[in-house]
Amino acid sequence: MISPDVNTIFLPFNADSVQEAHFARTYAGFVTAVGYLSMRFLYSSSKVQIGTVVMYITMVMVISKIFSFIYDGYTTIAIATFFIGIAYAIGLYVVQKARKNELDYNL
């Protein structure tokens, strides 16, 4: 995800074009986030909301997209998906904060 060469022993294919490299780095961000959250679920005693899980996955994918911009360059679809991901993460954050403020703790 953060190395300059996207072709490693962990990928079952070679990314020859810029579009394939962008896809591989974004997918690596997804796998990294899911791995982190799996460990968090296994060893955490508190419940984690699904909105938080999706927000973490989206933010790690956006971070991997930034590394893809640094190492692989820019394409129109990569820039569009980057901004869509940021808007989605911000929307999840706003909705999650609004829902937390509406919860009744006097059960």
PDB file of N, CA and C in Angstrom:
ATOM      1  N   MET A   1       0.823  -1.193   0.000  1.00  0.00           N
ATOM      2  CA  MET A   1       0.000   0.000   0.000  1.00  0.00           C
ATOM      3  C   MET A   1       0.865   1.254   0.000  1.00  0.00           C
ATOM      4  N   ILE A   2       1.956   1.252   0.771  1.00  0.00           N
ATOM      5  CA  ILE A   2       2.760   2.472   0.858  1.00  0.00           C
ATOM      6  C   ILE A   2       4.124   2.336   0.196  1.00  0.00           C
ATOM      7  N   SER A   3       4.405   1.195  -0.434  1.00  0.00           N
ATOM      8  CA  SER A   3       5.693   1.029  -1.103  1.00  0.00           C
ATOM      9  C   SER A   3       5.623   1.597  -2.520  1.00  0.00           C
ATOM     10  N   PRO A   4       6.762   2.046  -3.056  1.00  0.00           N
ATOM     11  CA  PRO A   4       6.757   2.608  -4.411  1.00  0.00           C
ATOM     12  C   PRO A   4       6.370   1.607  -5.492  1.00  0.00           C
ATOM     13  N   ASP A   5       6.782   0.331  -5.332  1.00  0.00           N
ATOM     14  CA  ASP A   5       6.451  -0.680  -6.329  1.00  0.00           C
ATOM     15  C   ASP A   5       5.197  -1.417  -5.898  1.00  0.00           C
ATOM     16  N   VAL A   6       4.177  -1.364  -6.726  1.00  0.00           N
ATOM     17  CA  VAL A   6       2.912  -1.990  -6.357  1.00  0.00           C
ATOM     18  C   VAL A   6       2.938  -3.497  -6.592  1.00  0.00           C
ATOM     19  N   ASN A   7       3.830  -3.985  -7.443  1.00  0.00           N
ATOM     20  CA  ASN A   7       3.927  -5.417  -7.729  1.00  0.00           C
ATOM     21  C   ASN A   7       4.782  -6.094  -6.665  1.00  0.00           C
ATOM     22  N   THR A   8       4.139  -6.890  -5.818  1.00  0.00           N
ATOM     23  CA  THR A   8       4.837  -7.612  -4.760  1.00  0.00           C
ATOM     24  C   THR A   8       4.421  -9.075  -4.798  1.00  0.00           C
ATOM     25  N   ILE A   9       4.974  -9.841  -3.899  1.00  0.00           N
ATOM     26  CA  ILE A   9       4.619 -11.263  -3.853  1.00  0.00           C
ATOM     27  C   ILE A   9       3.217 -11.481  -3.297  1.00  0.00           C
ATOM     28  N   PHE A  10       2.626 -10.451  -2.703  1.00  0.00           N
ATOM     29  CA  PHE A  10       1.303 -10.604  -2.088  1.00  0.00           C
ATOM     30  C   PHE A  10       0.166 -10.450  -3.084  1.00  0.00           C
ATOM     31  N   LEU A  11       0.441  -9.872  -4.260  1.00  0.00           N
ATOM     32  CA  LEU A  11      -0.594  -9.710  -5.274  1.00  0.00           C
ATOM     33  C   LEU A  11      -0.519 -10.856  -6.278  1.00  0.00           C
ATOM     34  N   PRO A  12      -1.640 -11.460  -6.615  1.00  0.00           N
ATOM     35  CA  PRO A  12      -1.604 -12.571  -7.564  1.00  0.00           C
ATOM     36  C   PRO A  12      -1.522 -12.131  -9.028  1.00  0.00           C
ATOM     37  N   PHE A  13      -1.364 -10.834  -9.293  1.00  0.00           N
ATOM     38  CA  PHE A  13      -1.289 -10.325 -10.664  1.00  0.00           C
ATOM     39  C   PHE A  13      -0.277  -9.180 -10.710  1.00  0.00           C
ATOM     40  N   ASN A  14       0.109  -8.791 -11.918  1.00  0.00           N
ATOM     41  CA  ASN A  14       1.011  -7.660 -12.097  1.00  0.00           C
ATOM     42  C   ASN A  14       0.212  -6.448 -12.542  1.00  0.00           C
ATOM     43  N   ALA A  15       0.419  -5.340 -11.874  1.00  0.00           N
ATOM     44  CA  ALA A  15      -0.245  -4.084 -12.242  1.00  0.00           C
ATOM     45  C   ALA A  15       0.668  -3.349 -13.215  1.00  0.00           C
ATOM     46  N   ASP A  16       0.310  -3.374 -14.502  1.00  0.00           N
ATOM     47  CA  ASP A  16       1.147  -2.761 -15.531  1.00  0.00           C
ATOM     48  C   ASP A  16       0.729  -1.339 -15.868  1.00  0.00           C
ATOM     49  N   SER A  17      -0.540  -1.026 -15.728  1.00  0.00           N
ATOM     50  CA  SER A  17      -1.008   0.317 -16.075  1.00  0.00           C
ATOM     51  C   SER A  17      -1.275   1.116 -14.801  1.00  0.00           C
ATOM     52  N   VAL A  18      -1.467   2.403 -14.987  1.00  0.00           N
ATOM     53  CA  VAL A  18      -1.738   3.287 -13.848  1.00  0.00           C
ATOM     54  C   VAL A  18      -3.076   2.937 -13.214  1.00  0.00           C
ATOM     55  N   GLN A  19      -4.078   2.595 -14.024  1.00  0.00           N
ATOM     56  CA  GLN A  19      -5.388   2.246 -13.490  1.00  0.00           C
ATOM     57  C   GLN A  19      -5.314   0.997 -12.623  1.00  0.00           C
ATOM     58  N   GLU A  20      -4.538   0.013 -13.057  1.00  0.00           N
ATOM     59  CA  GLU A  20      -4.389  -1.204 -12.260  1.00  0.00           C
ATOM     60  C   GLU A  20      -3.650  -0.928 -10.958  1.00  0.00           C
ATOM     61  N   ALA A  21      -2.673  -0.026 -11.002  1.00  0.00           N
ATOM     62  CA  ALA A  21      -1.938   0.321  -9.788  1.00  0.00           C
ATOM     63  C   ALA A  21      -2.837   1.046  -8.798  1.00  0.00           C
ATOM     64  N   HIS A  22      -3.685   1.954  -9.290  1.00  0.00           N
ATOM     65  CA  HIS A  22      -4.636   2.639  -8.404  1.00  0.00           C
ATOM     66  C   HIS A  22      -5.584   1.638  -7.763  1.00  0.00           C
ATOM     67  N   PHE A  23      -6.083   0.692  -8.559  1.00  0.00           N
ATOM     68  CA  PHE A  23      -6.988  -0.321  -8.021  1.00  0.00           C
ATOM     69  C   PHE A  23      -6.283  -1.177  -6.968  1.00  0.00           C
ATOM     70  N   ALA A  24      -5.056  -1.586  -7.253  1.00  0.00           N
ATOM     71  CA  ALA A  24      -4.325  -2.449  -6.319  1.00  0.00           C
ATOM     72  C   ALA A  24      -4.067  -1.733  -4.998  1.00  0.00           C
ATOM     73  N   ARG A  25      -3.703  -0.468  -5.028  1.00  0.00           N
ATOM     74  CA  ARG A  25      -3.438   0.270  -3.788  1.00  0.00           C
ATOM     75  C   ARG A  25      -4.728   0.501  -2.994  1.00  0.00           C
ATOM     76  N   THR A  26      -5.823   0.796  -3.678  1.00  0.00           N
ATOM     77  CA  THR A  26      -7.092   0.990  -2.981  1.00  0.00           C
ATOM     78  C   THR A  26      -7.552  -0.314  -2.347  1.00  0.00           C
ATOM     79  N   TYR A  27      -7.413  -1.414  -3.069  1.00  0.00           N
ATOM     80  CA  TYR A  27      -7.782  -2.718  -2.518  1.00  0.00           C
ATOM     81  C   TYR A  27      -6.882  -3.078  -1.342  1.00  0.00           C
ATOM     82  N   ALA A  28      -5.604  -2.712  -1.417  1.00  0.00           N
ATOM     83  CA  ALA A  28      -4.692  -2.961  -0.292  1.00  0.00           C
ATOM     84  C   ALA A  28      -5.135  -2.167   0.931  1.00  0.00           C
ATOM     85  N   GLY A  29      -5.627  -0.945   0.734  1.00  0.00           N
ATOM     86  CA  GLY A  29      -6.157  -0.169   1.852  1.00  0.00           C
ATOM     87  C   GLY A  29      -7.373  -0.826   2.476  1.00  0.00           C
ATOM     88  N   PHE A  30      -8.226  -1.397   1.636  1.00  0.00           N
ATOM     89  CA  PHE A  30      -9.400  -2.106   2.139  1.00  0.00           C
ATOM     90  C   PHE A  30      -8.989  -3.315   2.977  1.00  0.00           C
ATOM     91  N   VAL A  31      -8.044  -4.101   2.464  1.00  0.00           N
ATOM     92  CA  VAL A  31      -7.598  -5.296   3.184  1.00  0.00           C
ATOM     93  C   VAL A  31      -6.924  -4.907   4.497  1.00  0.00           C
ATOM     94  N   THR A  32      -6.135  -3.840   4.486  1.00  0.00           N
ATOM     95  CA  THR A  32      -5.485  -3.372   5.716  1.00  0.00           C
ATOM     96  C   THR A  32      -6.516  -2.961   6.753  1.00  0.00           C
ATOM     97  N   ALA A  33      -7.520  -2.218   6.345  1.00  0.00           N
ATOM     98  CA  ALA A  33      -8.552  -1.760   7.280  1.00  0.00           C
ATOM     99  C   ALA A  33      -9.360  -2.927   7.828  1.00  0.00           C
ATOM    100  N   VAL A  34      -9.717  -3.865   6.979  1.00  0.00           N
ATOM    101  CA  VAL A  34     -10.494  -5.017   7.444  1.00  0.00           C
ATOM    102  C   VAL A  34      -9.664  -5.869   8.399  1.00  0.00           C
ATOM    103  N   GLY A  35      -8.366  -6.012   8.120  1.00  0.00           N
ATOM    104  CA  GLY A  35      -7.501  -6.759   9.035  1.00  0.00           C
ATOM    105  C   GLY A  35      -7.400  -6.086  10.392  1.00  0.00           C
ATOM    106  N   TYR A  36      -7.231  -4.763  10.391  1.00  0.00           N
ATOM    107  CA  TYR A  36      -7.168  -4.029  11.659  1.00  0.00           C
ATOM    108  C   TYR A  36      -8.471  -4.163  12.439  1.00  0.00           C
ATOM    109  N   LEU A  37      -9.588  -4.009  11.747  1.00  0.00           N
ATOM    110  CA  LEU A  37     -10.872  -4.077  12.438  1.00  0.00           C
ATOM    111  C   LEU A  37     -11.185  -5.488  12.922  1.00  0.00           C
ATOM    112  N   SER A  38     -10.722  -6.495  12.201  1.00  0.00           N
ATOM    113  CA  SER A  38     -10.904  -7.869  12.683  1.00  0.00           C
ATOM    114  C   SER A  38     -10.172  -8.077  13.998  1.00  0.00           C
ATOM    115  N   MET A  39      -8.947  -7.594  14.079  1.00  0.00           N
ATOM    116  CA  MET A  39      -8.194  -7.702  15.331  1.00  0.00           C
ATOM    117  C   MET A  39      -8.869  -6.895  16.440  1.00  0.00           C
ATOM    118  N   ARG A  40      -9.414  -5.760  16.088  1.00  0.00           N
ATOM    119  CA  ARG A  40     -10.083  -4.938  17.096  1.00  0.00           C
ATOM    120  C   ARG A  40     -11.323  -5.633  17.637  1.00  0.00           C
ATOM    121  N   PHE A  41     -12.079  -6.289  16.756  1.00  0.00           N
ATOM    122  CA  PHE A  41     -13.259  -7.020  17.214  1.00  0.00           C
ATOM    123  C   PHE A  41     -12.870  -8.190  18.094  1.00  0.00           C
ATOM    124  N   LEU A  42     -11.781  -8.868  17.756  1.00  0.00           N
ATOM    125  CA  LEU A  42     -11.377 -10.048  18.523  1.00  0.00           C
ATOM    126  C   LEU A  42     -10.930  -9.700  19.934  1.00  0.00           C
ATOM    127  N   TYR A  43     -10.199  -8.602  20.081  1.00  0.00           N
ATOM    128  CA  TYR A  43      -9.579  -8.298  21.374  1.00  0.00           C
ATOM    129  C   TYR A  43     -10.230  -7.140  22.118  1.00  0.00           C
ATOM    130  N   SER A  44     -11.352  -6.639  21.641  1.00  0.00           N
ATOM    131  CA  SER A  44     -12.008  -5.523  22.310  1.00  0.00           C
ATOM    132  C   SER A  44     -13.211  -6.030  23.092  1.00  0.00           C
ATOM    133  N   SER A  45     -13.394  -5.447  24.257  1.00  0.00           N
ATOM    134  CA  SER A  45     -14.556  -5.840  25.054  1.00  0.00           C
ATOM    135  C   SER A  45     -15.752  -4.917  24.790  1.00  0.00           C
ATOM    136  N   SER A  46     -15.519  -3.784  24.167  1.00  0.00           N
ATOM    137  CA  SER A  46     -16.628  -2.855  23.897  1.00  0.00           C
ATOM    138  C   SER A  46     -17.198  -3.116  22.507  1.00  0.00           C
ATOM    139  N   LYS A  47     -18.447  -2.761  22.328  1.00  0.00           N
ATOM    140  CA  LYS A  47     -19.098  -2.926  21.042  1.00  0.00           C
ATOM    141  C   LYS A  47     -18.712  -1.759  20.135  1.00  0.00           C
ATOM    142  N   VAL A  48     -18.457  -2.071  18.890  1.00  0.00           N
ATOM    143  CA  VAL A  48     -18.097  -1.060  17.905  1.00  0.00           C
ATOM    144  C   VAL A  48     -19.262  -0.933  16.937  1.00  0.00           C
ATOM    145  N   GLN A  49     -19.691   0.315  16.678  1.00  0.00           N
ATOM    146  CA  GLN A  49     -20.820   0.539  15.785  1.00  0.00           C
ATOM    147  C   GLN A  49     -20.408   0.292  14.347  1.00  0.00           C
ATOM    148  N   ILE A  50     -21.357  -0.131  13.533  1.00  0.00           N
ATOM    149  CA  ILE A  50     -21.070  -0.441  12.140  1.00  0.00           C
ATOM    150  C   ILE A  50     -20.672   0.817  11.366  1.00  0.00           C
ATOM    151  N   GLY A  51     -21.198   1.972  11.743  1.00  0.00           N
ATOM    152  CA  GLY A  51     -20.799   3.223  11.096  1.00  0.00           C
ATOM    153  C   GLY A  51     -19.332   3.528  11.310  1.00  0.00           C
ATOM    154  N   THR A  52     -18.829   3.228  12.489  1.00  0.00           N
ATOM    155  CA  THR A  52     -17.412   3.426  12.778  1.00  0.00           C
ATOM    156  C   THR A  52     -16.563   2.484  11.943  1.00  0.00           C
ATOM    157  N   VAL A  53     -16.991   1.254  11.794  1.00  0.00           N
ATOM    158  CA  VAL A  53     -16.261   0.275  10.991  1.00  0.00           C
ATOM    159  C   VAL A  53     -16.171   0.741   9.540  1.00  0.00           C
ATOM    160  N   VAL A  54     -17.288   1.142   8.973  1.00  0.00           N
ATOM    161  CA  VAL A  54     -17.303   1.584   7.585  1.00  0.00           C
ATOM    162  C   VAL A  54     -16.475   2.858   7.421  1.00  0.00           C
ATOM    163  N   MET A  55     -16.509   3.754   8.400  1.00  0.00           N
ATOM    164  CA  MET A  55     -15.721   4.981   8.331  1.00  0.00           C
ATOM    165  C   MET A  55     -14.230   4.664   8.358  1.00  0.00           C
ATOM    166  N   TYR A  56     -13.785   3.738   9.209  1.00  0.00           N
ATOM    167  CA  TYR A  56     -12.377   3.340   9.244  1.00  0.00           C
ATOM    168  C   TYR A  56     -11.941   2.746   7.908  1.00  0.00           C
ATOM    169  N   ILE A  57     -12.745   1.868   7.358  1.00  0.00           N
ATOM    170  CA  ILE A  57     -12.402   1.252   6.079  1.00  0.00           C
ATOM    171  C   ILE A  57     -12.279   2.318   4.998  1.00  0.00           C
ATOM    172  N   THR A  58     -13.216   3.252   4.960  1.00  0.00           N
ATOM    173  CA  THR A  58     -13.175   4.309   3.953  1.00  0.00           C
ATOM    174  C   THR A  58     -11.964   5.201   4.125  1.00  0.00           C
ATOM    175  N   MET A  59     -11.630   5.563   5.352  1.00  0.00           N
ATOM    176  CA  MET A  59     -10.494   6.458   5.574  1.00  0.00           C
ATOM    177  C   MET A  59      -9.165   5.780   5.225  1.00  0.00           C
ATOM    178  N   VAL A  60      -9.010   4.497   5.517  1.00  0.00           N
ATOM    179  CA  VAL A  60      -7.767   3.806   5.144  1.00  0.00           C
ATOM    180  C   VAL A  60      -7.681   3.669   3.626  1.00  0.00           C
ATOM    181  N   MET A  61      -8.801   3.473   2.964  1.00  0.00           N
ATOM    182  CA  MET A  61      -8.789   3.435   1.507  1.00  0.00           C
ATOM    183  C   MET A  61      -8.418   4.792   0.925  1.00  0.00           C
ATOM    184  N   VAL A  62      -8.864   5.880   1.545  1.00  0.00           N
ATOM    185  CA  VAL A  62      -8.498   7.224   1.087  1.00  0.00           C
ATOM    186  C   VAL A  62      -7.000   7.459   1.302  1.00  0.00           C
ATOM    187  N   ILE A  63      -6.467   6.992   2.424  1.00  0.00           N
ATOM    188  CA  ILE A  63      -5.030   7.134   2.678  1.00  0.00           C
ATOM    189  C   ILE A  63      -4.224   6.356   1.647  1.00  0.00           C
ATOM    190  N   SER A  64      -4.678   5.155   1.317  1.00  0.00           N
ATOM    191  CA  SER A  64      -3.968   4.392   0.293  1.00  0.00           C
ATOM    192  C   SER A  64      -4.076   5.054  -1.067  1.00  0.00           C
ATOM    193  N   LYS A  65      -5.167   5.749  -1.312  1.00  0.00           N
ATOM    194  CA  LYS A  65      -5.314   6.484  -2.569  1.00  0.00           C
ATOM    195  C   LYS A  65      -4.323   7.647  -2.634  1.00  0.00           C
ATOM    196  N   ILE A  66      -4.030   8.277  -1.490  1.00  0.00           N
ATOM    197  CA  ILE A  66      -3.027   9.346  -1.461  1.00  0.00           C
ATOM    198  C   ILE A  66      -1.656   8.802  -1.850  1.00  0.00           C
ATOM    199  N   PHE A  67      -1.282   7.635  -1.322  1.00  0.00           N
ATOM    200  CA  PHE A  67      -0.022   7.013  -1.713  1.00  0.00           C
ATOM    201  C   PHE A  67      -0.032   6.623  -3.191  1.00  0.00           C
ATOM    202  N   SER A  68      -1.186   6.256  -3.697  1.00  0.00           N
ATOM    203  CA  SER A  68      -1.288   5.944  -5.113  1.00  0.00           C
ATOM    204  C   SER A  68      -1.064   7.196  -5.953  1.00  0.00           C
ATOM    205  N   PHE A  69      -1.549   8.340  -5.501  1.00  0.00           N
ATOM    206  CA  PHE A  69      -1.285   9.590  -6.218  1.00  0.00           C
ATOM    207  C   PHE A  69       0.202   9.912  -6.212  1.00  0.00           C
ATOM    208  N   ILE A  70       0.862   9.681  -5.094  1.00  0.00           N
ATOM    209  CA  ILE A  70       2.288   9.993  -4.982  1.00  0.00           C
ATOM    210  C   ILE A  70       3.114   9.110  -5.907  1.00  0.00           C
ATOM    211  N   TYR A  71       2.851   7.812  -5.907  1.00  0.00           N
ATOM    212  CA  TYR A  71       3.699   6.882  -6.645  1.00  0.00           C
ATOM    213  C   TYR A  71       3.251   6.614  -8.069  1.00  0.00           C
ATOM    214  N   ASP A  72       1.948   6.672  -8.343  1.00  0.00           N
ATOM    215  CA  ASP A  72       1.434   6.254  -9.651  1.00  0.00           C
ATOM    216  C   ASP A  72       0.900   7.395 -10.500  1.00  0.00           C
ATOM    217  N   GLY A  73       0.725   8.567  -9.936  1.00  0.00           N
ATOM    218  CA  GLY A  73       0.195   9.679 -10.717  1.00  0.00           C
ATOM    219  C   GLY A  73      -1.312   9.814 -10.563  1.00  0.00           C
ATOM    220  N   TYR A  74      -1.872  10.658 -11.399  1.00  0.00           N
ATOM    221  CA  TYR A  74      -3.290  11.000 -11.311  1.00  0.00           C
ATOM    222  C   TYR A  74      -4.034  10.512 -12.549  1.00  0.00           C
ATOM    223  N   THR A  75      -5.244  10.035 -12.323  1.00  0.00           N
ATOM    224  CA  THR A  75      -6.188   9.791 -13.410  1.00  0.00           C
ATOM    225  C   THR A  75      -7.509  10.434 -13.001  1.00  0.00           C
ATOM    226  N   THR A  76      -8.351  10.647 -13.971  1.00  0.00           N
ATOM    227  CA  THR A  76      -9.626  11.309 -13.694  1.00  0.00           C
ATOM    228  C   THR A  76     -10.488  10.484 -12.743  1.00  0.00           C
ATOM    229  N   ILE A  77     -10.570   9.194 -12.988  1.00  0.00           N
ATOM    230  CA  ILE A  77     -11.406   8.346 -12.136  1.00  0.00           C
ATOM    231  C   ILE A  77     -10.814   8.224 -10.733  1.00  0.00           C
ATOM    232  N   ALA A  78      -9.487   8.231 -10.611  1.00  0.00           N
ATOM    233  CA  ALA A  78      -8.860   8.150  -9.288  1.00  0.00           C
ATOM    234  C   ALA A  78      -9.151   9.406  -8.469  1.00  0.00           C
ATOM    235  N   ILE A  79      -9.103  10.557  -9.104  1.00  0.00           N
ATOM    236  CA  ILE A  79      -9.410  11.804  -8.395  1.00  0.00           C
ATOM    237  C   ILE A  79     -10.879  11.831  -7.990  1.00  0.00           C
ATOM    238  N   ALA A  80     -11.761  11.375  -8.884  1.00  0.00           N
ATOM    239  CA  ALA A  80     -13.194  11.355  -8.573  1.00  0.00           C
ATOM    240  C   ALA A  80     -13.489  10.415  -7.405  1.00  0.00           C
ATOM    241  N   THR A  81     -12.915   9.217  -7.426  1.00  0.00           N
ATOM    242  CA  THR A  81     -13.178   8.283  -6.332  1.00  0.00           C
ATOM    243  C   THR A  81     -12.553   8.766  -5.025  1.00  0.00           C
ATOM    244  N   PHE A  82     -11.441   9.493  -5.111  1.00  0.00           N
ATOM    245  CA  PHE A  82     -10.817  10.055  -3.911  1.00  0.00           C
ATOM    246  C   PHE A  82     -11.766  11.042  -3.241  1.00  0.00           C
ATOM    247  N   PHE A  83     -12.334  11.963  -4.019  1.00  0.00           N
ATOM    248  CA  PHE A  83     -13.233  12.949  -3.430  1.00  0.00           C
ATOM    249  C   PHE A  83     -14.572  12.341  -3.006  1.00  0.00           C
ATOM    250  N   ILE A  84     -15.037  11.340  -3.713  1.00  0.00           N
ATOM    251  CA  ILE A  84     -16.254  10.640  -3.288  1.00  0.00           C
ATOM    252  C   ILE A  84     -16.010   9.927  -1.959  1.00  0.00           C
ATOM    253  N   GLY A  85     -14.847   9.310  -1.807  1.00  0.00           N
ATOM    254  CA  GLY A  85     -14.504   8.647  -0.551  1.00  0.00           C
ATOM    255  C   GLY A  85     -14.419   9.621   0.613  1.00  0.00           C
ATOM    256  N   ILE A  86     -13.826  10.785   0.376  1.00  0.00           N
ATOM    257  CA  ILE A  86     -13.745  11.802   1.428  1.00  0.00           C
ATOM    258  C   ILE A  86     -15.143  12.294   1.810  1.00  0.00           C
ATOM    259  N   ALA A  87     -15.968  12.564   0.809  1.00  0.00           N
ATOM    260  CA  ALA A  87     -17.337  13.014   1.093  1.00  0.00           C
ATOM    261  C   ALA A  87     -18.121  11.949   1.852  1.00  0.00           C
ATOM    262  N   TYR A  88     -17.936  10.689   1.491  1.00  0.00           N
ATOM    263  CA  TYR A  88     -18.617   9.589   2.164  1.00  0.00           C
ATOM    264  C   TYR A  88     -18.165   9.469   3.618  1.00  0.00           C
ATOM    265  N   ALA A  89     -16.856   9.580   3.860  1.00  0.00           N
ATOM    266  CA  ALA A  89     -16.337   9.495   5.234  1.00  0.00           C
ATOM    267  C   ALA A  89     -16.821  10.669   6.082  1.00  0.00           C
ATOM    268  N   ILE A  90     -16.834  11.861   5.522  1.00  0.00           N
ATOM    269  CA  ILE A  90     -17.332  13.029   6.263  1.00  0.00           C
ATOM    270  C   ILE A  90     -18.816  12.861   6.569  1.00  0.00           C
ATOM    271  N   GLY A  91     -19.579  12.372   5.586  1.00  0.00           N
ATOM    272  CA  GLY A  91     -20.999  12.127   5.814  1.00  0.00           C
ATOM    273  C   GLY A  91     -21.244  11.101   6.906  1.00  0.00           C
ATOM    274  N   LEU A  92     -20.466  10.024   6.906  1.00  0.00           N
ATOM    275  CA  LEU A  92     -20.587   9.024   7.970  1.00  0.00           C
ATOM    276  C   LEU A  92     -20.257   9.618   9.334  1.00  0.00           C
ATOM    277  N   TYR A  93     -19.233  10.440   9.387  1.00  0.00           N
ATOM    278  CA  TYR A  93     -18.840  11.059  10.655  1.00  0.00           C
ATOM    279  C   TYR A  93     -19.943  11.974  11.181  1.00  0.00           C
ATOM    280  N   VAL A  94     -20.512  12.787  10.307  1.00  0.00           N
ATOM    281  CA  VAL A  94     -21.574  13.717  10.722  1.00  0.00           C
ATOM    282  C   VAL A  94     -22.800  12.953  11.196  1.00  0.00           C
ATOM    283  N   VAL A  95     -23.198  11.930  10.457  1.00  0.00           N
ATOM    284  CA  VAL A  95     -24.372  11.148  10.847  1.00  0.00           C
ATOM    285  C   VAL A  95     -24.125  10.417  12.160  1.00  0.00           C
ATOM    286  N   GLN A  96     -22.916   9.883  12.334  1.00  0.00           N
ATOM    287  CA  GLN A  96     -22.604   9.170  13.574  1.00  0.00           C
ATOM    288  C   GLN A  96     -22.640  10.109  14.774  1.00  0.00           C
ATOM    289  N   LYS A  97     -22.097  11.314  14.640  1.00  0.00           N
ATOM    290  CA  LYS A  97     -22.128  12.280  15.745  1.00  0.00           C
ATOM    291  C   LYS A  97     -23.560  12.723  16.045  1.00  0.00           C
ATOM    292  N   ALA A  98     -24.364  12.891  15.001  1.00  0.00           N
ATOM    293  CA  ALA A  98     -25.762  13.280  15.211  1.00  0.00           C
ATOM    294  C   ALA A  98     -26.531  12.173  15.925  1.00  0.00           C
ATOM    295  N   ARG A  99     -26.268  10.926  15.576  1.00  0.00           N
ATOM    296  CA  ARG A  99     -26.962   9.814  16.233  1.00  0.00           C
ATOM    297  C   ARG A  99     -26.511   9.638  17.672  1.00  0.00           C
ATOM    298  N   LYS A 100     -25.234   9.883  17.955  1.00  0.00           N
ATOM    299  CA  LYS A 100     -24.756   9.769  19.330  1.00  0.00           C
ATOM    300  C   LYS A 100     -25.416  10.799  20.227  1.00  0.00           C
ATOM    301  N   ASN A 101     -25.672  11.978  19.702  1.00  0.00           N
ATOM    302  CA  ASN A 101     -26.313  13.027  20.483  1.00  0.00           C
ATOM    303  C   ASN A 101     -27.787  12.741  20.727  1.00  0.00           C
ATOM    304  N   GLU A 102     -28.393  11.869  19.917  1.00  0.00           N
ATOM    305  CA  GLU A 102     -29.807  11.559  20.071  1.00  0.00           C
ATOM    306  C   GLU A 102     -30.066  10.335  20.956  1.00  0.00           C
ATOM    307  N   LEU A 103     -29.040   9.573  21.306  1.00  0.00           N
ATOM    308  CA  LEU A 103     -29.231   8.381  22.114  1.00  0.00           C
ATOM    309  C   LEU A 103     -29.655   8.744  23.537  1.00  0.00           C
ATOM    310  N   ASP A 104     -30.599   7.960  24.055  1.00  0.00           N
ATOM    311  CA  ASP A 104     -31.059   8.164  25.415  1.00  0.00           C
ATOM    312  C   ASP A 104     -30.340   7.166  26.322  1.00  0.00           C
ATOM    313  N   TYR A 105     -29.565   7.672  27.252  1.00  0.00           N
ATOM    314  CA  TYR A 105     -28.805   6.815  28.144  1.00  0.00           C
ATOM    315  C   TYR A 105     -29.542   6.494  29.431  1.00  0.00           C
ATOM    316  N   ASN A 106     -30.772   6.945  29.590  1.00  0.00           N
ATOM    317  CA  ASN A 106     -31.569   6.690  30.785  1.00  0.00           C
ATOM    318  C   ASN A 106     -32.482   5.487  30.564  1.00  0.00           C
ATOM    319  N   LEU A 107     -31.912   4.366  30.293  1.00  0.00           N
ATOM    320  CA  LEU A 107     -32.736   3.166  30.030  1.00  0.00           C
ATOM    321  C   LEU A 107     -33.036   2.435  31.295  1.00  0.00           C
TER     322      LEU A 107
END
